[in-house]
């Protein structure tokens, strides 16, 4: 919670003057019953119409001044709350972008989105209500009690019976509901996850006719949210009726004993009316306080969830720039790695050297650790043991910007963003010229279809590249990685949607146009990597084979089985 206080530093004036104007409104509100008592005792009791009109004018003036102070407070509260919310979301989004892959995997994308939107909005509302009511409500309660004591100290003792009872109820409700609100937010995370998965995977869901099952699962998730919200709502709902009951009983006691005090001559009718008004003000203030408890409880639960993200350490970085002081582009020295929470290592004791300008092919079965190995090179994840060396420097000892600036990465899933082709192509280098972009598109075999688009580089790509085929998306994603001529290119099974002819053209273009670039190609096809200078065969995280295509056909049974399963008998006999 304290982690969020710095976001209020630019709104100190609003935090001071907002409650101050609300305090002035409360002061004027406390004066009204006192004026009403004078009207009843002197004006009505003395049948003085002039006095009644004069004091009624005072009440109207008090109301106008109170309204002005309230509107001023509203303005200052809104300015502070929305400014705070904006800065909080900006800082949270910025911090999320500094988290390591491991941290993001731990929290989950859907939970991060929920905390960035829903939770930050709840905290923002909490700040707004704090400025508007957190000072006014206690002041009204205390002020009304003091004013009641000035009228009749003995009768005011009723306040000391009522107030502790209601305070105890509020404390009990708050203690019970804070954990419940946190659980509700966690269940909202699950619903957000299902929503995200279902929307992104709608084609797969329909392909398997799983709509009803997914609808049922989502219904179960939102029913859990509803059940949790209803449970906490029922508990919170106790506040208002119980508060009303206790306060009304207090008013009954005031009227009962106040009548006796009037008969005894210790109290006037106007003073009893004022006394009752003060009791009513306390009642209304306590009801507002009860609602504030609910709002602040939600805000505290959400603030803790936001603070959890802000307290997560950013990805370790260095100011050291990546230099090229080695003949080897990539080296793995006894590298082992396991994902957090995984029982076994995804990679075990991997070692190899790849010279600059060479091509590395990585092949193996599903889940053998191919993508994991690729993710260690740009330091998306850190190896538990061993060292990953790029251009002679340990990847953990150089700045991530310079490291990843030297590496062009194409992931398994081609991710494009809404905008034009040119916009997507400038992700690696903002100042890339059209000539550089077209060159990259030609190498990636993408210019042939981009050129035929109505607006070519200015053609619009919809969200996620939905208006492109799988092969087109992959080729633009590959071309994007080529812009700026990175010294290392990682193609993580990024040619799976390409036909064999296009795949061959791509590899040929890379070899001719990017001869000095080190290429790391992960593929399920032996034809895509058979010309590589070094091929690593992975099986269950182990390097079971390492060498050229010819060497592996002779010495590695796993590679030989993969190759033969993809070749017909004639091709096998001709190449073996």
Protein backbone atom coordinates (compact mmCIF):
# COMPACT_ATOMS: atom_id res chain seq x y z
CA UNK A 1 0.00 0.00 0.00
CA UNK A 2 2.81 2.43 0.91
CA UNK A 3 4.29 1.76 -2.53
CA UNK A 4 1.50 3.88 -4.05
CA UNK A 5 1.98 7.01 -1.90
CA UNK A 6 4.69 8.53 -4.15
CA UNK A 7 2.11 8.82 -6.95
CA UNK A 8 0.33 11.45 -4.85
CA UNK A 9 3.36 13.74 -4.51
CA UNK A 10 2.29 15.96 -7.42
CA UNK A 11 -1.12 16.52 -5.86
CA UNK A 12 -0.23 17.80 -2.40
CA UNK A 13 -2.30 20.98 -2.83
CA UNK A 14 -5.38 18.98 -3.82
CA UNK A 15 -4.84 16.61 -0.90
CA UNK A 16 -4.74 19.57 1.51
CA UNK A 17 -7.30 21.98 0.08
CA UNK A 18 -9.81 19.34 -1.05
CA UNK A 19 -10.48 18.05 2.49
CA UNK A 20 -10.22 21.65 3.79
CA UNK A 21 -13.13 22.83 1.63
CA UNK A 22 -15.08 19.71 2.58
CA UNK A 23 -14.38 20.59 6.20
CA UNK A 24 -15.81 24.07 5.67
CA UNK A 25 -18.92 22.50 4.18
CA UNK A 26 -19.25 20.32 7.29
CA UNK A 27 -18.85 23.36 9.56
CA UNK A 28 -21.70 25.16 7.80
CA UNK A 29 -23.77 21.98 7.97
CA UNK A 30 -23.25 21.82 11.76
CA UNK A 31 -24.41 25.42 12.16
CA UNK A 32 -27.81 24.76 10.51
CA UNK A 33 -29.41 22.82 13.45
CA UNK A 34 -28.24 25.55 15.81
CA UNK A 35 -29.98 28.18 13.63
CA UNK A 36 -33.07 25.96 13.44
CA UNK A 37 -33.21 25.86 17.26
CA UNK A 38 -33.16 29.67 17.37
CA UNK A 39 -35.98 29.88 14.81
CA UNK A 40 -38.14 27.48 16.85
CA UNK A 41 -37.45 29.04 20.25
CA UNK A 42 -37.36 32.74 19.35
CA UNK A 43 -39.15 33.02 16.01
CA UNK A 44 -41.95 30.51 16.28
CA UNK A 45 -42.12 30.58 20.10
CA UNK A 46 -42.20 34.39 20.10
CA UNK A 47 -44.37 34.62 16.96
CA UNK A 48 -41.70 36.87 15.38
CA UNK A 49 -42.09 36.61 11.58
CA UNK A 50 -39.23 39.01 10.89
CA UNK A 51 -36.82 36.90 12.92
CA UNK A 52 -38.00 33.73 11.15
CA UNK A 53 -37.40 35.29 7.69
CA UNK A 54 -34.00 36.66 8.71
CA UNK A 55 -32.78 33.34 10.11
CA UNK A 56 -34.25 31.43 7.14
CA UNK A 57 -32.12 33.66 4.92
CA UNK A 58 -29.11 32.66 7.03
CA UNK A 59 -29.91 28.96 6.40
CA UNK A 60 -30.17 29.62 2.63
CA UNK A 61 -26.84 31.47 2.71
CA UNK A 62 -25.23 28.61 4.64
CA UNK A 63 -26.57 26.17 2.05
CA UNK A 64 -25.19 28.21 -0.89
CA UNK A 65 -21.76 28.52 0.75
CA UNK A 66 -21.77 24.81 1.57
CA UNK A 67 -22.60 23.99 -2.05
CA UNK A 68 -19.73 26.16 -3.28
CA UNK A 69 -17.28 24.50 -0.93
CA UNK A 70 -18.58 21.04 -1.92
CA UNK A 71 -18.16 21.73 -5.66
CA UNK A 72 -14.64 23.07 -5.08
CA UNK A 73 -13.76 19.92 -3.16
CA UNK A 74 -15.27 17.75 -5.92
CA UNK A 75 -13.08 19.47 -8.51
CA UNK A 76 -9.90 19.09 -6.45
CA UNK A 77 -10.72 15.47 -5.58
CA UNK A 78 -11.30 14.57 -9.23
CA UNK A 79 -8.11 16.30 -10.33
CA UNK A 80 -6.09 14.45 -7.69
CA UNK A 81 -7.74 11.04 -8.13
CA UNK A 82 -7.63 10.93 -11.92
CA UNK A 83 -4.12 12.37 -12.02
CA UNK A 84 -3.03 9.78 -9.46
CA UNK A 85 -4.74 7.01 -11.46
CA UNK A 86 -3.08 8.11 -14.69
CA UNK A 87 0.40 8.21 -13.15
CA UNK A 88 -0.18 4.88 -11.41
CA UNK A 89 -1.23 3.12 -14.62
CA UNK A 90 1.67 4.64 -16.54
CA UNK A 91 4.17 3.55 -13.89
CA UNK A 92 2.59 0.11 -13.60
CA UNK A 93 2.65 -0.41 -17.37
CA UNK A 94 6.25 0.78 -17.52
CA UNK A 95 7.25 -1.53 -14.67
CA UNK A 96 5.49 -4.52 -16.25
CA UNK A 97 7.64 -3.95 -19.33
CA UNK A 98 10.78 -4.21 -17.18
CA UNK A 99 9.82 -7.54 -15.62
CA UNK A 100 11.62 -10.69 -16.62
CA UNK A 101 9.88 -13.47 -18.52
CA UNK A 102 9.94 -15.54 -15.32
CA UNK A 103 8.08 -12.85 -13.36
CA UNK A 104 5.46 -12.43 -16.08
CA UNK A 105 4.99 -16.21 -16.26
CA UNK A 106 4.55 -16.30 -12.48
CA UNK A 107 1.78 -13.66 -12.33
CA UNK A 108 0.08 -14.41 -15.63
CA UNK A 109 -0.88 -12.06 -18.46
CA UNK A 110 -4.58 -11.92 -17.58
CA UNK A 111 -3.84 -11.02 -13.97
CA UNK A 112 -1.47 -8.26 -15.09
CA UNK A 113 -4.14 -6.81 -17.38
CA UNK A 114 -6.72 -6.97 -14.58
CA UNK A 115 -4.42 -5.20 -12.14
CA UNK A 116 -3.54 -2.57 -14.71
CA UNK A 117 -7.20 -1.78 -15.42
CA UNK A 118 -9.69 -2.94 -12.80
CA UNK A 119 -7.50 -2.71 -9.70
CA UNK A 120 -5.95 0.64 -10.57
CA UNK A 121 -9.45 2.06 -11.19
CA UNK A 122 -10.62 0.79 -7.80
CA UNK A 123 -7.65 2.43 -6.07
CA UNK A 124 -8.34 5.65 -7.99
CA UNK A 125 -11.93 5.66 -6.75
CA UNK A 126 -10.66 5.09 -3.22
CA UNK A 127 -8.46 8.20 -3.43
CA UNK A 128 -11.40 10.21 -4.80
CA UNK A 129 -13.68 9.17 -1.95
CA UNK A 130 -10.94 9.70 0.62
CA UNK A 131 -10.56 13.36 -0.31
CA UNK A 132 -14.31 13.90 -0.51
CA UNK A 133 -15.49 12.09 2.58
CA UNK A 134 -12.70 10.74 4.78
CA UNK A 135 -12.29 14.09 6.58
CA UNK A 136 -15.91 15.24 6.41
CA UNK A 137 -17.41 12.14 8.00
CA UNK A 138 -15.24 12.00 11.17
CA UNK A 139 -15.55 15.79 11.56
CA UNK A 140 -19.35 15.61 11.31
CA UNK A 141 -19.48 12.84 13.89
CA UNK A 142 -17.15 14.62 16.30
CA UNK A 143 -18.60 18.06 15.58
CA UNK A 144 -22.20 16.92 16.02
CA UNK A 145 -21.26 15.23 19.28
CA UNK A 146 -19.56 18.41 20.58
CA UNK A 147 -22.52 20.57 19.54
CA UNK A 148 -24.87 18.13 21.28
CA UNK A 149 -22.77 18.42 24.48
CA UNK A 150 -23.06 22.21 24.38
CA UNK A 151 -26.86 21.82 24.34
CA UNK A 152 -27.24 19.14 27.05
CA UNK A 153 -24.27 17.17 28.37
CA UNK A 154 -26.36 14.51 30.15
CA UNK A 155 -28.52 13.76 27.14
CA UNK A 156 -25.38 13.64 24.95
CA UNK A 157 -24.18 10.58 26.88
CA UNK A 158 -26.43 8.57 24.57
CA UNK A 159 -23.85 9.22 21.85
CA UNK A 160 -21.21 7.38 23.89
CA UNK A 161 -23.43 4.31 23.98
CA UNK A 162 -24.35 4.33 20.28
CA UNK A 163 -21.01 5.28 18.69
CA UNK A 164 -18.86 2.42 20.15
CA UNK A 165 -21.45 -0.19 19.13
CA UNK A 166 -21.53 1.01 15.51
CA UNK A 167 -17.72 1.38 15.43
CA UNK A 168 -17.34 -2.23 16.60
CA UNK A 169 -19.70 -3.43 13.86
CA UNK A 170 -17.79 -1.47 11.20
CA UNK A 171 -14.46 -2.90 12.41
CA UNK A 172 -15.83 -6.45 12.35
CA UNK A 173 -17.22 -6.05 8.81
CA UNK A 174 -13.99 -4.52 7.53
CA UNK A 175 -11.87 -7.27 9.06
CA UNK A 176 -13.98 -9.95 7.39
CA UNK A 177 -14.44 -8.34 3.98
CA UNK A 178 -10.86 -7.31 3.06
CA UNK A 179 -9.67 -10.93 2.43
CA UNK A 180 -12.96 -11.69 0.68
CA UNK A 181 -12.53 -8.80 -1.77
CA UNK A 182 -9.02 -10.03 -2.55
CA UNK A 183 -10.36 -13.51 -3.37
CA UNK A 184 -13.02 -11.95 -5.58
CA UNK A 185 -10.33 -10.12 -7.55
CA UNK A 186 -8.39 -13.37 -7.95
CA UNK A 187 -11.49 -15.06 -9.34
CA UNK A 188 -11.87 -12.13 -11.71
CA UNK A 189 -8.34 -12.90 -12.91
CA UNK A 190 -9.46 -16.43 -13.81
CA UNK A 191 -12.47 -15.12 -15.73
CA UNK A 192 -10.20 -12.68 -17.57
CA UNK A 193 -7.88 -15.55 -18.48
CA UNK A 194 -10.75 -17.60 -19.89
CA UNK A 195 -12.05 -14.59 -21.81
CA UNK A 196 -8.64 -13.95 -23.35
CA UNK A 197 -8.10 -17.59 -24.27
CA UNK A 198 -11.56 -18.02 -25.74
CA UNK A 199 -11.40 -14.88 -27.86
CA UNK A 200 -7.90 -15.65 -29.15
CA UNK A 201 -8.74 -19.31 -29.74
CA UNK A 202 -12.23 -18.85 -31.16
CA UNK A 203 -11.32 -20.57 -34.44
CA UNK A 204 -9.95 -23.61 -32.63
CA UNK A 205 -13.00 -23.74 -30.35
CA UNK A 206 -15.35 -23.72 -33.32
CA UNK A 207 -13.22 -26.19 -35.24
CA UNK A 208 -13.71 -28.70 -32.41
CA UNK A 209 -17.31 -27.61 -31.74
CA UNK A 210 -16.37 -26.81 -28.16
CA UNK A 211 -18.53 -23.68 -27.86
CA UNK A 212 -20.91 -25.10 -25.27
CA UNK A 213 -18.13 -26.55 -23.12
CA UNK A 214 -16.31 -23.21 -23.13
CA UNK A 215 -19.56 -21.37 -22.37
CA UNK A 216 -20.16 -23.70 -19.41
CA UNK A 217 -16.62 -23.23 -18.13
CA UNK A 218 -16.90 -19.44 -18.39
CA UNK A 219 -20.31 -19.59 -16.71
CA UNK A 220 -18.75 -21.52 -13.84
CA UNK A 221 -16.00 -18.90 -13.50
CA UNK A 222 -18.39 -15.93 -13.46
CA UNK A 223 -20.72 -17.83 -11.11
CA UNK A 224 -17.77 -18.14 -8.73
CA UNK A 225 -17.27 -14.37 -8.95
CA UNK A 226 -20.98 -13.83 -8.36
CA UNK A 227 -21.02 -16.19 -5.36
CA UNK A 228 -17.97 -14.48 -3.87
CA UNK A 229 -19.40 -11.01 -4.52
CA UNK A 230 -22.77 -12.00 -3.06
CA UNK A 231 -21.10 -13.41 0.06
CA UNK A 232 -19.11 -10.25 0.69
CA UNK A 233 -22.13 -8.16 -0.33
CA UNK A 234 -24.33 -9.87 2.25
CA UNK A 235 -21.78 -9.19 4.94
CA UNK A 236 -21.39 -5.56 3.86
CA UNK A 237 -25.16 -5.16 3.63
CA UNK A 238 -25.41 -5.69 7.39
CA UNK A 239 -23.86 -2.27 7.93
CA UNK A 240 -26.71 -0.04 6.79
CA UNK A 241 -29.69 -1.71 8.50
CA UNK A 242 -27.80 -2.33 11.74
CA UNK A 243 -26.52 1.24 11.77
CA UNK A 244 -30.04 2.56 11.09
CA UNK A 245 -31.49 0.38 13.82
CA UNK A 246 -28.99 1.46 16.46
CA UNK A 247 -29.15 5.12 15.52
CA UNK A 248 -32.95 5.16 15.41
CA UNK A 249 -33.03 3.54 18.82
CA UNK A 250 -30.69 6.31 19.92
CA UNK A 251 -33.08 8.94 18.52
CA UNK A 252 -35.97 7.24 20.34
CA UNK A 253 -33.94 7.45 23.56
CA UNK A 254 -33.19 11.14 22.91
CA UNK A 255 -36.88 11.95 22.34
CA UNK A 256 -37.89 9.93 25.40
CA UNK A 257 -35.40 11.45 27.82
CA UNK A 258 -35.42 14.81 26.02
CA UNK A 259 -39.13 15.16 26.75
CA UNK A 260 -38.42 14.67 30.43
CA UNK A 261 -35.65 17.31 30.24
CA UNK A 262 -38.08 19.77 28.61
CA UNK A 263 -40.66 19.17 31.34
CA UNK A 264 -37.95 19.79 33.93
CA UNK A 265 -36.97 23.06 32.24
CA UNK A 266 -33.42 21.97 31.38
CA UNK A 267 -34.08 21.89 27.61
CA UNK A 268 -36.19 23.86 25.13
CA UNK A 269 -38.15 22.47 22.21
CA UNK A 270 -35.77 24.09 19.73
CA UNK A 271 -32.76 22.61 21.48
CA UNK A 272 -34.33 19.13 21.41
CA UNK A 273 -34.98 19.58 17.67
CA UNK A 274 -31.36 20.61 17.16
CA UNK A 275 -30.23 17.70 19.30
CA UNK A 276 -32.27 15.30 17.16
CA UNK A 277 -30.81 16.87 14.00
CA UNK A 278 -27.30 16.31 15.30
CA UNK A 279 -28.18 12.70 16.03
CA UNK A 280 -29.52 12.37 12.47
CA UNK A 281 -26.34 13.92 11.09
CA UNK A 282 -24.32 11.35 12.98
CA UNK A 283 -26.60 8.62 11.63
CA UNK A 284 -26.12 9.76 8.04
CA UNK A 285 -22.37 10.24 8.58
CA UNK A 286 -22.04 6.73 9.98
CA UNK A 287 -23.97 5.32 7.03
CA UNK A 288 -21.59 7.12 4.69
CA UNK A 289 -18.74 5.76 6.80
CA UNK A 290 -20.17 2.26 6.38
CA UNK A 291 -20.17 2.70 2.60
CA UNK A 292 -16.68 4.19 2.77
CA UNK A 293 -15.55 1.06 4.57
CA UNK A 294 -16.73 -1.01 1.61
CA UNK A 295 -15.03 1.32 -0.89
CA UNK A 296 -11.79 1.52 1.10
CA UNK A 297 -11.81 -2.23 1.67
CA UNK A 298 -11.95 -2.80 -2.09
CA UNK A 299 -9.35 -0.09 -2.64
CA UNK A 300 -6.96 -1.59 -0.06
CA UNK A 301 -7.32 -5.07 -1.56
CA UNK A 302 -6.68 -3.68 -5.05
CA UNK A 303 -3.83 -1.46 -3.84
CA UNK A 304 -2.10 -4.50 -2.35
CA UNK A 305 -2.46 -6.35 -5.66
CA UNK A 306 -1.01 -3.40 -7.58
CA UNK A 307 1.78 -3.04 -5.01
CA UNK A 308 2.68 -6.72 -5.47
CA UNK A 309 3.52 -5.97 -9.10
CA UNK A 310 5.41 -2.75 -8.34
CA UNK A 311 7.44 -4.58 -5.69
CA UNK A 312 8.49 -7.29 -8.11
CA UNK A 313 12.13 -6.70 -9.08
CA UNK A 314 12.81 -5.46 -12.58
CA UNK A 315 14.87 -7.58 -14.90
CA UNK A 316 18.53 -7.26 -14.00
CA UNK A 317 20.36 -5.03 -16.42
CA UNK A 318 23.81 -3.63 -16.97
CA UNK A 319 25.21 -0.43 -18.43
CA UNK A 320 27.93 -2.35 -20.27
CA UNK A 321 27.49 -2.29 -24.03
CA UNK A 322 27.84 -5.46 -26.06
CA UNK A 323 31.12 -5.51 -27.94
CA UNK A 324 32.45 -7.80 -30.64
CA UNK A 325 35.67 -9.10 -29.19
CA UNK A 326 35.44 -12.78 -30.07
CA UNK A 327 35.46 -14.87 -33.21
CA UNK A 328 32.50 -16.77 -31.79
CA UNK A 329 29.02 -15.27 -32.11
CA UNK A 330 27.37 -17.64 -29.61
CA UNK A 331 28.82 -19.99 -27.01
CA UNK A 332 27.06 -22.22 -24.51
CA UNK A 333 29.24 -23.45 -21.67
CA UNK A 334 27.67 -26.30 -19.69
CA UNK A 335 24.28 -24.60 -19.65
CA UNK A 336 21.36 -26.05 -17.71
CA UNK A 337 17.96 -24.43 -17.24
CA UNK A 338 14.61 -25.19 -15.67
CA UNK A 339 11.42 -23.13 -15.54
CA UNK A 340 10.18 -21.99 -12.15
CA UNK A 341 8.01 -24.67 -10.62
CA UNK A 342 9.07 -27.31 -13.14
CA UNK A 343 10.19 -30.61 -11.73
CA UNK A 344 12.93 -31.28 -14.26
CA UNK A 345 15.45 -29.30 -16.26
CA UNK A 346 14.37 -28.19 -19.72
CA UNK A 347 18.03 -28.13 -20.77
CA UNK A 348 20.89 -30.18 -19.35
CA UNK A 349 24.59 -29.39 -19.72
CA UNK A 350 24.48 -27.89 -23.23
CA UNK A 351 27.82 -26.78 -24.70
CA UNK A 352 28.67 -25.59 -28.22
CA UNK A 353 30.45 -22.82 -30.14
CA UNK A 354 29.20 -21.01 -33.21
CA UNK A 355 31.49 -18.75 -35.22
CA UNK A 356 30.31 -15.49 -36.72
CA UNK A 357 28.58 -15.92 -40.05
CA UNK A 358 27.86 -19.58 -39.42
CA UNK A 359 24.45 -21.21 -39.30
CA UNK A 360 23.23 -23.31 -36.40
CA UNK A 361 20.34 -25.72 -36.86
CA UNK A 362 18.40 -27.03 -33.85
CA UNK A 363 16.04 -29.96 -34.22
CA UNK A 364 14.24 -32.39 -31.96
CA UNK A 365 10.86 -33.59 -30.81
CA UNK A 366 8.14 -31.46 -29.30
CA UNK A 367 9.06 -30.19 -25.83
CA UNK A 368 12.71 -31.13 -26.10
CA UNK A 369 13.93 -27.59 -25.26
CA UNK A 370 14.56 -26.02 -28.67
CA UNK A 371 12.76 -22.72 -27.98
CA UNK A 372 14.13 -22.67 -24.45
CA UNK A 373 17.66 -22.77 -25.82
CA UNK A 374 16.85 -19.92 -28.21
CA UNK A 375 15.33 -17.83 -25.40
CA UNK A 376 18.55 -18.03 -23.38
CA UNK A 377 20.57 -16.26 -26.09
CA UNK A 378 18.83 -12.84 -25.78
CA UNK A 379 18.59 -13.49 -22.00
CA UNK A 380 14.82 -13.74 -21.89
CA UNK A 381 15.58 -16.33 -19.21
CA UNK A 382 18.76 -16.80 -17.20
CA UNK A 383 20.53 -20.14 -17.09
CA UNK A 384 20.65 -21.76 -13.64
CA UNK A 385 24.12 -23.12 -14.29
CA UNK A 386 26.71 -22.46 -16.96
CA UNK A 387 27.20 -19.42 -19.17
CA UNK A 388 25.69 -18.11 -22.38
CA UNK A 389 28.21 -15.99 -24.30
CA UNK A 390 27.37 -13.66 -27.18
CA UNK A 391 30.24 -11.99 -29.07
CA UNK A 392 32.58 -12.82 -26.19
CA UNK A 393 30.41 -11.34 -23.41
CA UNK A 394 28.23 -13.13 -20.88
CA UNK A 395 24.63 -12.18 -21.69
CA UNK A 396 23.93 -11.42 -18.01
CA UNK A 397 26.73 -8.82 -17.84
CA UNK A 398 25.71 -6.57 -20.75
CA UNK A 399 22.76 -4.23 -21.21
CA UNK A 400 19.63 -5.90 -22.52
CA UNK A 401 19.13 -3.11 -25.05
CA UNK A 402 22.50 -3.59 -26.72
CA UNK A 403 22.22 -7.40 -26.53
CA UNK A 404 18.75 -7.58 -28.06
CA UNK A 405 19.61 -4.80 -30.48
CA UNK A 406 22.22 -7.10 -31.98
CA UNK A 407 19.77 -10.00 -32.29
CA UNK A 408 16.83 -10.33 -34.65
CA UNK A 409 14.24 -12.73 -33.23
CA UNK A 410 11.30 -14.40 -34.92
CA UNK A 411 9.19 -16.40 -32.46
CA UNK A 412 7.14 -19.50 -33.16
CA UNK A 413 3.94 -17.51 -33.28
CA UNK A 414 4.02 -14.68 -35.79
CA UNK A 415 2.86 -11.64 -33.84
CA UNK A 416 1.91 -8.55 -35.86
CA UNK A 417 0.38 -5.32 -34.59
CA UNK A 418 -2.43 -3.20 -35.95
CA UNK A 419 -1.09 -0.53 -38.28
CA UNK A 420 0.56 -0.46 -41.67
CA UNK A 421 3.18 -2.81 -43.05
CA UNK A 422 5.70 0.00 -42.64
CA UNK A 423 4.76 0.47 -38.98
CA UNK A 424 5.36 -3.20 -38.26
CA UNK A 425 8.63 -3.23 -40.17
CA UNK A 426 10.05 -0.35 -38.11
CA UNK A 427 9.85 -2.18 -34.79
CA UNK A 428 13.54 -3.06 -34.84
CA UNK A 429 14.67 0.32 -36.12
CA UNK A 430 12.47 3.39 -36.07
CA UNK A 431 14.50 5.29 -38.68
CA UNK A 432 14.58 2.45 -41.21
CA UNK A 433 14.20 3.72 -44.78
CA UNK A 434 11.77 2.26 -47.30
CA UNK A 435 14.73 0.83 -49.21
CA UNK A 436 15.91 -1.07 -46.13
CA UNK A 437 12.38 -2.29 -45.45
CA UNK A 438 11.88 -3.48 -49.03
CA UNK A 439 15.26 -5.24 -48.95
CA UNK A 440 14.26 -7.10 -45.78
CA UNK A 441 10.89 -8.01 -47.31
CA UNK A 442 12.62 -9.37 -50.42
CA UNK A 443 14.98 -11.54 -48.37
CA UNK A 444 12.02 -12.88 -46.39
CA UNK A 445 10.12 -13.59 -49.65
CA UNK A 446 7.38 -11.19 -48.50
CA UNK A 447 7.78 -8.40 -51.07
CA UNK A 448 6.12 -10.52 -53.74
CA UNK A 449 2.73 -10.18 -52.01
CA UNK A 450 3.29 -6.80 -50.29
CA UNK A 451 4.08 -5.28 -53.69
CA UNK A 452 0.68 -6.43 -54.97
CA UNK A 453 -1.22 -4.90 -52.06
CA UNK A 454 -3.21 -1.76 -52.97
CA UNK A 455 -1.04 0.57 -50.85
CA UNK A 456 2.08 -1.60 -50.57
CA UNK A 457 3.99 -0.47 -47.43
CA UNK A 458 1.03 1.69 -46.40
CA UNK A 459 -1.36 -1.26 -46.51
CA UNK A 460 -3.15 -1.74 -43.21
CA UNK A 461 -2.60 -4.84 -41.10
CA UNK A 462 -5.48 -5.62 -38.76
CA UNK A 463 -5.00 -6.62 -35.13
CA UNK A 464 -2.91 -9.78 -34.96
CA UNK A 465 -2.61 -9.81 -38.75
CA UNK A 466 -6.06 -11.34 -39.14
CA UNK A 467 -6.28 -10.07 -42.74
CA UNK A 468 -3.19 -12.07 -43.75
CA UNK A 469 -2.62 -15.78 -44.27
CA UNK A 470 -0.38 -17.73 -41.91
CA UNK A 471 2.48 -17.78 -44.41
CA UNK A 472 2.18 -14.05 -45.08
CA UNK A 473 2.27 -13.25 -41.37
CA UNK A 474 5.35 -15.41 -40.90
CA UNK A 475 7.20 -13.78 -43.78
CA UNK A 476 6.48 -10.24 -42.55
CA UNK A 477 7.56 -11.28 -39.04
CA UNK A 478 10.80 -12.69 -40.50
CA UNK A 479 11.37 -9.55 -42.58
CA UNK A 480 10.85 -7.38 -39.50
CA UNK A 481 13.73 -9.17 -37.76
CA UNK A 482 16.02 -8.52 -40.76
CA UNK A 483 15.61 -4.73 -40.67
CA UNK A 484 18.76 -3.05 -39.37
CA UNK A 485 20.94 -6.04 -40.31
CA UNK A 486 21.37 -7.64 -36.86
CA UNK A 487 24.53 -9.67 -36.34
CA UNK A 488 22.53 -12.68 -35.08
CA UNK A 489 19.20 -13.96 -36.40
CA UNK A 490 17.10 -16.46 -34.44
CA UNK A 491 14.34 -18.18 -36.42
CA UNK A 492 12.35 -20.19 -33.88
CA UNK A 493 10.40 -22.62 -36.06
CA UNK A 494 9.26 -19.53 -37.95
CA UNK A 495 9.03 -21.15 -41.38
CA UNK A 496 6.44 -23.80 -40.46
CA UNK A 497 3.72 -22.08 -42.54
CA UNK A 498 5.95 -21.79 -45.62
CA UNK A 499 5.95 -24.30 -48.41
CA UNK A 500 9.20 -26.08 -49.26
CA UNK A 501 9.92 -23.89 -52.29
CA UNK A 502 9.49 -20.62 -50.36
CA UNK A 503 11.51 -22.04 -47.46
CA UNK A 504 14.34 -22.89 -49.90
CA UNK A 505 14.23 -19.39 -51.45
CA UNK A 506 14.35 -17.83 -47.97
CA UNK A 507 17.39 -19.83 -46.91
CA UNK A 508 19.13 -19.07 -50.19
CA UNK A 509 18.41 -15.33 -49.85
CA UNK A 510 19.73 -15.29 -46.27
CA UNK A 511 22.92 -17.00 -47.36
CA UNK A 512 23.49 -14.59 -50.26
CA UNK A 513 22.28 -11.29 -48.81
CA UNK A 514 23.27 -11.80 -45.16
CA UNK A 515 26.48 -13.76 -45.49
CA UNK A 516 28.06 -12.19 -42.40
CA UNK A 517 25.01 -12.78 -40.20
CA UNK A 518 24.99 -15.64 -37.73
CA UNK A 519 21.77 -17.61 -38.18
CA UNK A 520 20.20 -19.86 -35.54
CA UNK A 521 17.38 -21.84 -37.12
CA UNK A 522 15.00 -24.01 -35.13
CA UNK A 523 12.95 -26.28 -37.32
CA UNK A 524 11.04 -29.54 -37.43
CA UNK A 525 12.24 -30.05 -41.02
CA UNK A 526 15.61 -31.55 -41.69
CA UNK A 527 15.53 -29.96 -45.16
CA UNK A 528 15.54 -26.51 -43.53
CA UNK A 529 18.69 -27.11 -41.49
CA UNK A 530 20.68 -29.72 -43.40
CA UNK A 531 23.00 -27.08 -44.90
CA UNK A 532 23.79 -25.61 -41.46
CA UNK A 533 27.43 -25.50 -40.31
CA UNK A 534 26.39 -27.08 -37.01
CA UNK A 535 23.25 -29.02 -36.09
CA UNK A 536 22.23 -29.79 -32.51
CA UNK A 537 19.78 -32.64 -31.93
CA UNK A 538 17.86 -32.30 -28.68
CA UNK A 539 15.93 -34.98 -26.83
CA UNK A 540 14.39 -34.29 -23.42
CA UNK A 541 16.74 -31.36 -22.86
CA UNK A 542 19.87 -33.33 -23.75
CA UNK A 543 22.09 -32.76 -26.78
CA UNK A 544 22.08 -36.31 -28.16
CA UNK A 545 23.81 -35.29 -31.37
CA UNK A 546 25.97 -32.47 -32.65
CA UNK A 547 27.62 -32.03 -36.03
CA UNK A 548 26.87 -31.51 -39.71
CA UNK A 549 24.02 -33.15 -41.59
CA UNK A 550 26.30 -35.86 -42.99
CA UNK A 551 27.96 -36.55 -39.65
CA UNK A 552 24.62 -36.84 -37.84
CA UNK A 553 23.22 -39.25 -40.42
CA UNK A 554 26.16 -41.50 -39.66
CA UNK A 555 26.44 -41.04 -35.90
CA UNK A 556 23.05 -39.96 -34.48
CA UNK A 557 20.18 -42.43 -34.47
CA UNK A 558 17.63 -39.80 -33.36
CA UNK A 559 18.53 -37.47 -36.25
CA UNK A 560 18.55 -40.36 -38.70
CA UNK A 561 15.03 -41.36 -37.63
CA UNK A 562 13.75 -37.81 -37.99
CA UNK A 563 15.33 -37.47 -41.42
CA UNK A 564 14.04 -40.77 -42.73
CA UNK A 565 10.53 -40.11 -41.44
CA UNK A 566 10.45 -36.97 -43.57
CA UNK A 567 12.04 -38.39 -46.72
CA UNK A 568 10.63 -41.00 -49.06
CA UNK A 569 12.70 -44.03 -49.87
CA UNK A 570 14.12 -42.57 -53.07
CA UNK A 571 15.21 -39.34 -51.39
CA UNK A 572 16.62 -41.32 -48.50
CA UNK A 573 18.73 -43.49 -50.76
CA UNK A 574 19.87 -40.47 -52.71
CA UNK A 575 20.96 -38.43 -49.73
CA UNK A 576 22.16 -40.92 -47.18
